[in-house]
């Protein structure tokens, strides 16, 4: 029998960029409509819905304060999709095979009527997983209301438990005590398993990773380490600031022995590990050093009604225009089908860090389509 160290070593050996994306892309879920696989054979299972482009944080890797200040022009209410429009698009998407819906932002809890939207989405046929991503500053007062409306899970962005580092990484806008209160409220409301996303930047918060893990070891919560990614155009991404997941695994395993765990479902982006002592699970999202484009099943709807087929997309397809011009469901369904069938995005597999630095693409900003 191999030891845990040998299992981790073998698993780390597999944590490398994909060399045969087309072959890996061929893996599809048998429940997906057979006629709705993209150009690389990937089904559309997930729809991430951005409610608004505003946020109460100014995280430097997403919405740096220097750019997104009081003079920045965010979307107006009229330019954002209404809840009815969102429900209509989501309903069509579920008929095409989408079973996982996630509300994102910006910060989705800035929408004061988000619970009513959750209730509408929860009633759609075919929805198996309904979740929301938040920084949790506004979560505590509405956690139970969201659960009662039909929300199943929350994912919370929590980059550090060090007050100084947390303040720096939230752009000076975050209150760590309120975030932790929000996590506790979500747990009481049954919005679990709660996933806690930690974007790890070398020289910024990598020295606080073990503190976050220690805080949530022994709880049902799942901490996930995310490699610092070159999303958008404003976060000053540099390869030198990326802490590869394999490096984090080794560091964590020296403190608490780990063993690899298989995926929960096809297309899961996090590589899963659990503590050998039974204290829970952690995950690693490695878009930079271990691209997972080949199994990506996500579409993203921006707050102004643009459908994107990649987190790093340079352009999308307008759905708000046809919606407001009177397109019927059949027409909208045809647009969604066409977009997905033509999809061939695999940015992370094709990424060359040197080329990113020299010839940056004009990509959609993460705050517009969620992470």
Protein backbone atom coordinates (compact mmCIF):
# COMPACT_ATOMS: atom_id res chain seq x y z
CA UNK A 1 0.00 0.00 0.00
CA UNK A 2 1.41 3.43 -0.89
CA UNK A 3 1.94 5.87 1.96
CA UNK A 4 0.10 9.20 2.11
CA UNK A 5 3.31 10.97 1.13
CA UNK A 6 3.60 8.72 -1.93
CA UNK A 7 -0.04 9.41 -2.86
CA UNK A 8 0.55 13.16 -2.64
CA UNK A 9 3.76 12.89 -4.63
CA UNK A 10 1.96 10.96 -7.35
CA UNK A 11 -0.89 13.44 -7.35
CA UNK A 12 1.48 16.40 -7.53
CA UNK A 13 3.10 14.76 -10.53
CA UNK A 14 -0.23 15.02 -12.29
CA UNK A 15 -0.59 18.72 -11.45
CA UNK A 16 0.81 20.06 -14.70
CA UNK A 17 -0.59 21.86 -17.75
CA UNK A 18 -2.81 19.68 -19.95
CA UNK A 19 -1.03 18.37 -23.01
CA UNK A 20 -4.03 16.87 -24.79
CA UNK A 21 -6.94 19.29 -24.29
CA UNK A 22 -9.04 17.78 -27.07
CA UNK A 23 -8.86 14.33 -25.53
CA UNK A 24 -9.72 15.60 -22.06
CA UNK A 25 -12.53 17.68 -23.49
CA UNK A 26 -14.21 14.57 -24.78
CA UNK A 27 -15.40 13.74 -21.27
CA UNK A 28 -19.03 14.78 -21.03
CA UNK A 29 -21.90 14.12 -18.69
CA UNK A 30 -24.36 11.58 -20.07
CA UNK A 31 -27.26 13.64 -18.73
CA UNK A 32 -26.40 16.63 -20.94
CA UNK A 33 -28.49 17.11 -24.08
CA UNK A 34 -26.47 15.28 -26.76
CA UNK A 35 -26.94 18.11 -29.25
CA UNK A 36 -25.54 20.82 -26.95
CA UNK A 37 -21.84 20.10 -26.65
CA UNK A 38 -19.43 22.81 -27.69
CA UNK A 39 -16.72 22.53 -30.35
CA UNK A 40 -14.52 20.62 -27.89
CA UNK A 41 -17.27 18.30 -26.67
CA UNK A 42 -18.01 20.14 -23.41
CA UNK A 43 -21.64 20.33 -22.22
CA UNK A 44 -23.24 23.45 -20.74
CA UNK A 45 -24.10 22.54 -17.15
CA UNK A 46 -23.41 25.74 -15.21
CA UNK A 47 -24.68 29.30 -15.53
CA UNK A 48 -23.15 32.06 -13.42
CA UNK A 49 -25.35 35.13 -13.20
CA UNK A 50 -23.87 38.51 -12.28
CA UNK A 51 -26.56 40.69 -10.68
CA UNK A 52 -24.67 43.98 -10.74
CA UNK A 53 -21.21 45.34 -11.39
CA UNK A 54 -20.90 47.16 -8.07
CA UNK A 55 -19.07 45.93 -4.99
CA UNK A 56 -18.50 47.20 -1.47
CA UNK A 57 -14.87 45.98 -1.59
CA UNK A 58 -11.99 47.21 -3.71
CA UNK A 59 -9.84 44.10 -3.90
CA UNK A 60 -6.65 45.00 -5.82
CA UNK A 61 -6.82 41.81 -7.93
CA UNK A 62 -10.37 42.61 -9.06
CA UNK A 63 -11.48 46.24 -8.55
CA UNK A 64 -8.47 48.37 -7.54
CA UNK A 65 -9.47 51.63 -5.86
CA UNK A 66 -7.35 53.71 -8.22
CA UNK A 67 -9.57 52.66 -11.12
CA UNK A 68 -12.91 52.12 -9.42
CA UNK A 69 -13.26 55.33 -7.44
CA UNK A 70 -16.15 57.72 -6.92
CA UNK A 71 -15.83 58.95 -10.51
CA UNK A 72 -16.16 55.51 -12.09
CA UNK A 73 -19.36 55.03 -14.10
CA UNK A 74 -21.02 51.76 -13.15
CA UNK A 75 -24.04 50.36 -14.97
CA UNK A 76 -27.30 52.20 -14.44
CA UNK A 77 -30.36 50.35 -13.18
CA UNK A 78 -31.94 50.59 -16.64
CA UNK A 79 -28.92 49.00 -18.30
CA UNK A 80 -28.92 46.00 -15.95
CA UNK A 81 -31.11 42.99 -16.53
CA UNK A 82 -34.27 42.92 -14.43
CA UNK A 83 -35.04 39.89 -12.29
CA UNK A 84 -37.75 38.85 -14.73
CA UNK A 85 -35.25 38.97 -17.59
CA UNK A 86 -32.76 36.93 -15.57
CA UNK A 87 -35.43 34.35 -14.76
CA UNK A 88 -36.38 34.08 -18.40
CA UNK A 89 -32.80 33.46 -19.55
CA UNK A 90 -32.14 31.03 -16.70
CA UNK A 91 -35.31 29.12 -17.55
CA UNK A 92 -34.21 28.70 -21.15
CA UNK A 93 -30.73 27.65 -20.03
CA UNK A 94 -32.10 24.95 -17.75
CA UNK A 95 -34.11 23.54 -20.63
CA UNK A 96 -30.84 23.26 -22.52
CA UNK A 97 -29.18 21.23 -19.79
CA UNK A 98 -27.99 23.73 -17.18
CA UNK A 99 -28.49 22.29 -13.70
CA UNK A 100 -26.20 24.53 -11.62
CA UNK A 101 -26.97 28.22 -11.09
CA UNK A 102 -24.78 30.65 -9.17
CA UNK A 103 -25.48 34.30 -8.36
CA UNK A 104 -22.39 36.50 -8.40
CA UNK A 105 -21.44 40.14 -8.88
CA UNK A 106 -19.80 42.42 -8.11
CA UNK A 107 -21.36 41.79 -4.73
CA UNK A 108 -24.79 40.19 -5.24
CA UNK A 109 -26.03 41.09 -1.76
CA UNK A 110 -26.03 44.76 -2.75
CA UNK A 111 -29.22 43.82 -4.59
CA UNK A 112 -31.78 44.34 -1.84
CA UNK A 113 -34.29 42.05 -3.54
CA UNK A 114 -31.95 39.14 -4.19
CA UNK A 115 -34.06 36.77 -2.07
CA UNK A 116 -37.04 37.13 -4.38
CA UNK A 117 -34.83 36.28 -7.35
CA UNK A 118 -33.51 33.25 -5.48
CA UNK A 119 -37.08 32.10 -4.90
CA UNK A 120 -37.84 32.36 -8.62
CA UNK A 121 -34.70 30.51 -9.65
CA UNK A 122 -35.36 27.76 -7.09
CA UNK A 123 -38.70 27.01 -8.79
CA UNK A 124 -37.16 26.37 -12.21
CA UNK A 125 -37.31 22.78 -13.40
CA UNK A 126 -33.93 21.09 -13.62
CA UNK A 127 -32.09 23.23 -11.06
CA UNK A 128 -30.12 20.85 -8.87
CA UNK A 129 -27.70 23.32 -7.31
CA UNK A 130 -28.42 26.98 -6.48
CA UNK A 131 -25.56 28.92 -4.90
CA UNK A 132 -24.28 32.45 -4.32
CA UNK A 133 -20.78 33.92 -4.09
CA UNK A 134 -20.30 36.82 -1.66
CA UNK A 135 -17.71 38.65 0.41
CA UNK A 136 -20.12 38.04 3.34
CA UNK A 137 -20.07 41.60 4.69
CA UNK A 138 -23.85 41.81 4.22
CA UNK A 139 -24.62 38.14 4.70
CA UNK A 140 -25.51 37.79 8.39
CA UNK A 141 -28.87 39.66 8.31
CA UNK A 142 -30.13 37.85 5.19
CA UNK A 143 -28.67 34.34 5.47
CA UNK A 144 -31.84 32.74 6.82
CA UNK A 145 -34.03 34.66 4.36
CA UNK A 146 -31.91 33.39 1.47
CA UNK A 147 -32.11 29.82 2.76
CA UNK A 148 -35.88 30.08 3.16
CA UNK A 149 -36.13 31.34 -0.43
CA UNK A 150 -34.37 28.23 -1.70
CA UNK A 151 -30.66 29.08 -1.78
CA UNK A 152 -28.64 25.94 -1.08
CA UNK A 153 -25.04 27.07 -0.64
CA UNK A 154 -22.76 30.10 -0.33
CA UNK A 155 -19.16 30.60 -1.30
CA UNK A 156 -17.34 33.31 0.64
CA UNK A 157 -14.24 35.20 -0.48
CA UNK A 158 -11.86 35.31 2.49
CA UNK A 159 -8.25 36.01 1.57
CA UNK A 160 -6.78 36.22 5.06
CA UNK A 161 -7.57 36.20 8.78
CA UNK A 162 -4.80 38.69 9.46
CA UNK A 163 -6.55 42.03 10.01
CA UNK A 164 -3.88 44.05 8.21
CA UNK A 165 -3.64 41.70 5.23
CA UNK A 166 -7.42 41.37 5.01
CA UNK A 167 -7.79 45.13 4.95
CA UNK A 168 -5.14 45.44 2.25
CA UNK A 169 -6.74 42.74 0.07
CA UNK A 170 -10.24 44.21 0.42
CA UNK A 171 -8.99 47.65 -0.55
CA UNK A 172 -9.53 48.96 2.96
CA UNK A 173 -13.27 48.30 2.73
CA UNK A 174 -13.64 45.01 4.60
CA UNK A 175 -14.63 44.33 8.21
CA UNK A 176 -13.26 40.90 9.10
CA UNK A 177 -15.55 40.51 12.14
CA UNK A 178 -18.65 41.07 9.98
CA UNK A 179 -17.42 38.58 7.40
CA UNK A 180 -16.91 35.91 10.06
CA UNK A 181 -20.34 36.74 11.49
CA UNK A 182 -21.79 36.23 8.00
CA UNK A 183 -20.13 32.81 7.72
CA UNK A 184 -21.56 31.79 11.10
CA UNK A 185 -25.03 32.98 10.09
CA UNK A 186 -24.83 31.01 6.84
CA UNK A 187 -23.88 27.90 8.77
CA UNK A 188 -26.84 28.32 11.13
CA UNK A 189 -29.14 28.78 8.14
CA UNK A 190 -27.94 25.52 6.59
CA UNK A 191 -26.30 27.15 3.55
CA UNK A 192 -23.69 24.43 3.38
CA UNK A 193 -21.19 23.17 2.60
CA UNK A 194 -19.73 26.66 2.82
CA UNK A 195 -16.72 27.14 0.56
CA UNK A 196 -14.13 29.75 1.49
CA UNK A 197 -12.10 31.08 -1.42
CA UNK A 198 -8.57 32.33 -0.75
CA UNK A 199 -6.79 34.05 -3.66
CA UNK A 200 -3.12 33.48 -2.86
CA UNK A 201 -0.54 36.08 -3.91
CA UNK A 202 3.14 35.62 -3.23
CA UNK A 203 4.43 38.25 -0.85
CA UNK A 204 0.92 39.47 -0.03
CA UNK A 205 -1.02 36.79 1.86
CA UNK A 206 0.79 33.50 1.26
CA UNK A 207 2.25 33.67 4.77
CA UNK A 208 -1.27 33.66 6.28
CA UNK A 209 -2.61 30.58 4.46
CA UNK A 210 -2.00 28.17 7.34
CA UNK A 211 -3.88 30.48 9.73
CA UNK A 212 -7.00 30.31 7.56
CA UNK A 213 -6.77 26.53 7.34
CA UNK A 214 -6.23 26.17 11.08
CA UNK A 215 -9.30 28.31 11.82
CA UNK A 216 -11.59 26.12 9.71
CA UNK A 217 -10.06 22.68 10.28
CA UNK A 218 -12.57 20.47 12.04
CA UNK A 219 -15.56 22.34 10.58
CA UNK A 220 -17.76 21.37 7.64
CA UNK A 221 -16.40 24.34 5.67
CA UNK A 222 -14.09 23.80 2.69
CA UNK A 223 -11.21 26.22 2.22
CA UNK A 224 -10.10 26.52 -1.41
CA UNK A 225 -6.76 27.98 -2.47
CA UNK A 226 -6.98 29.88 -5.77
CA UNK A 227 -3.94 30.76 -7.84
CA UNK A 228 -3.68 34.49 -8.57
CA UNK A 229 -5.07 34.77 -12.12
CA UNK A 230 -4.67 37.22 -14.98
CA UNK A 231 -8.37 38.10 -15.05
CA UNK A 232 -9.44 41.41 -16.51
CA UNK A 233 -7.00 44.16 -17.44
CA UNK A 234 -6.39 46.13 -14.25
CA UNK A 235 -4.99 43.87 -11.56
CA UNK A 236 -1.29 44.13 -12.48
CA UNK A 237 -0.95 40.36 -12.78
CA UNK A 238 2.57 38.99 -12.77
CA UNK A 239 3.60 35.34 -12.93
CA UNK A 240 6.06 35.94 -10.09
CA UNK A 241 3.12 36.55 -7.74
CA UNK A 242 1.50 33.20 -8.51
CA UNK A 243 1.98 30.57 -5.81
CA UNK A 244 1.56 27.24 -7.63
CA UNK A 245 -0.90 24.87 -6.01
CA UNK A 246 1.69 22.11 -5.86
CA UNK A 247 3.83 24.38 -3.67
CA UNK A 248 0.89 25.03 -1.35
CA UNK A 249 0.07 21.33 -1.12
CA UNK A 250 3.60 20.54 -0.02
CA UNK A 251 3.64 23.35 2.53
CA UNK A 252 0.29 22.35 4.03
CA UNK A 253 1.14 18.64 4.07
CA UNK A 254 4.23 19.38 6.16
CA UNK A 255 1.92 20.79 8.83
CA UNK A 256 -1.07 18.49 8.44
CA UNK A 257 -0.77 15.25 6.41
CA UNK A 258 -3.08 15.22 3.39
CA UNK A 259 -4.43 12.66 0.97
CA UNK A 260 -5.98 13.29 -2.46
CA UNK A 261 -9.72 12.78 -3.00
CA UNK A 262 -11.55 12.16 -6.27
CA UNK A 263 -13.85 14.69 -7.92
CA UNK A 264 -17.44 15.14 -6.77
CA UNK A 265 -18.71 15.59 -10.32
CA UNK A 266 -17.54 15.97 -13.91
CA UNK A 267 -16.14 19.43 -14.55
CA UNK A 268 -15.24 20.19 -10.92
CA UNK A 269 -12.53 22.85 -11.01
CA UNK A 270 -10.94 22.25 -7.59
CA UNK A 271 -8.50 19.45 -6.96
CA UNK A 272 -9.65 18.00 -3.63
CA UNK A 273 -7.63 16.87 -0.63
CA UNK A 274 -8.61 15.87 2.88
CA UNK A 275 -6.74 15.86 6.15
CA UNK A 276 -5.57 12.39 7.09
CA UNK A 277 -6.72 13.00 10.67
CA UNK A 278 -10.32 13.50 9.48
CA UNK A 279 -10.41 17.25 10.15
CA UNK A 280 -12.05 18.10 6.84
CA UNK A 281 -11.36 18.92 3.21
CA UNK A 282 -9.48 21.59 1.27
CA UNK A 283 -9.33 22.36 -2.44
CA UNK A 284 -6.92 23.90 -4.94
CA UNK A 285 -7.98 25.85 -8.04
CA UNK A 286 -5.00 26.02 -10.36
CA UNK A 287 -6.03 27.86 -13.51
CA UNK A 288 -2.51 29.14 -14.14
CA UNK A 289 -0.31 26.09 -13.51
CA UNK A 290 -2.85 23.32 -14.08
CA UNK A 291 -5.49 24.50 -16.58
CA UNK A 292 -8.84 22.71 -16.54
CA UNK A 293 -10.35 24.18 -19.70
CA UNK A 294 -10.95 20.72 -21.09
CA UNK A 295 -13.76 20.04 -18.63
CA UNK A 296 -15.19 23.56 -18.28
CA UNK A 297 -18.99 23.55 -18.48
CA UNK A 298 -19.63 27.18 -17.42
CA UNK A 299 -21.40 30.01 -19.15
CA UNK A 300 -21.51 33.48 -17.59
CA UNK A 301 -24.21 36.14 -17.84
CA UNK A 302 -23.14 39.69 -17.05
CA UNK A 303 -25.37 42.19 -15.29
CA UNK A 304 -26.02 44.00 -18.58
CA UNK A 305 -27.11 40.82 -20.31
CA UNK A 306 -24.00 39.72 -22.18
CA UNK A 307 -23.33 35.98 -22.33
CA UNK A 308 -19.67 34.98 -22.00
CA UNK A 309 -18.28 31.49 -22.49
CA UNK A 310 -14.96 31.98 -20.67
CA UNK A 311 -13.74 33.80 -17.56
CA UNK A 312 -11.02 35.30 -19.76
CA UNK A 313 -13.28 36.16 -22.71
CA UNK A 314 -12.54 39.17 -24.87
CA UNK A 315 -16.12 39.46 -26.14
CA UNK A 316 -19.58 38.04 -25.51
CA UNK A 317 -23.05 37.82 -27.01
CA UNK A 318 -25.72 40.40 -26.20
CA UNK A 319 -28.96 38.89 -24.88
CA UNK A 320 -30.46 42.06 -23.44
CA UNK A 321 -31.00 43.54 -26.91
CA UNK A 322 -33.05 40.62 -28.25
CA UNK A 323 -34.93 40.35 -24.94
CA UNK A 324 -36.05 43.96 -25.02
CA UNK A 325 -36.72 43.86 -28.75
CA UNK A 326 -39.41 41.23 -28.16
CA UNK A 327 -37.60 37.97 -28.98
CA UNK A 328 -39.64 34.93 -27.98
CA UNK A 329 -38.23 31.98 -26.06
CA UNK A 330 -37.53 30.01 -29.22
CA UNK A 331 -35.38 32.84 -30.58
CA UNK A 332 -33.48 33.21 -27.33
CA UNK A 333 -32.97 29.47 -27.12
CA UNK A 334 -31.57 29.50 -30.63
CA UNK A 335 -29.05 32.21 -29.66
CA UNK A 336 -27.91 30.27 -26.59
CA UNK A 337 -27.55 27.09 -28.61
CA UNK A 338 -25.56 28.80 -31.33
CA UNK A 339 -23.21 30.44 -28.86
CA UNK A 340 -22.48 27.21 -27.02
CA UNK A 341 -22.18 24.99 -30.08
CA UNK A 342 -19.55 27.37 -31.51
CA UNK A 343 -17.63 27.69 -28.26
CA UNK A 344 -13.96 26.72 -28.44
CA UNK A 345 -12.46 28.76 -25.57
CA UNK A 346 -9.47 27.30 -23.77
CA UNK A 347 -7.55 30.40 -22.76
CA UNK A 348 -5.76 28.91 -19.76
CA UNK A 349 -4.42 26.00 -21.77
CA UNK A 350 -3.11 28.36 -24.43
CA UNK A 351 -1.80 30.97 -21.99
CA UNK A 352 1.87 31.78 -22.22
CA UNK A 353 2.91 33.84 -19.18
CA UNK A 354 5.56 35.63 -21.25
CA UNK A 355 3.04 36.57 -23.91
CA UNK A 356 0.52 37.71 -21.28
CA UNK A 357 3.07 40.19 -19.99
CA UNK A 358 4.11 41.43 -23.43
CA UNK A 359 0.81 41.33 -25.35
CA UNK A 360 -2.07 41.51 -22.85
CA UNK A 361 -5.52 40.76 -24.19
CA UNK A 362 -8.41 43.11 -23.49
CA UNK A 363 -10.44 40.70 -21.39
CA UNK A 364 -13.75 41.14 -19.64
CA UNK A 365 -13.32 42.29 -16.04
CA UNK A 366 -14.00 39.70 -13.34
CA UNK A 367 -16.26 42.04 -11.38
CA UNK A 368 -18.66 41.99 -14.34
CA UNK A 369 -19.04 38.22 -14.59
CA UNK A 370 -18.00 36.81 -11.22
CA UNK A 371 -15.11 34.45 -10.52
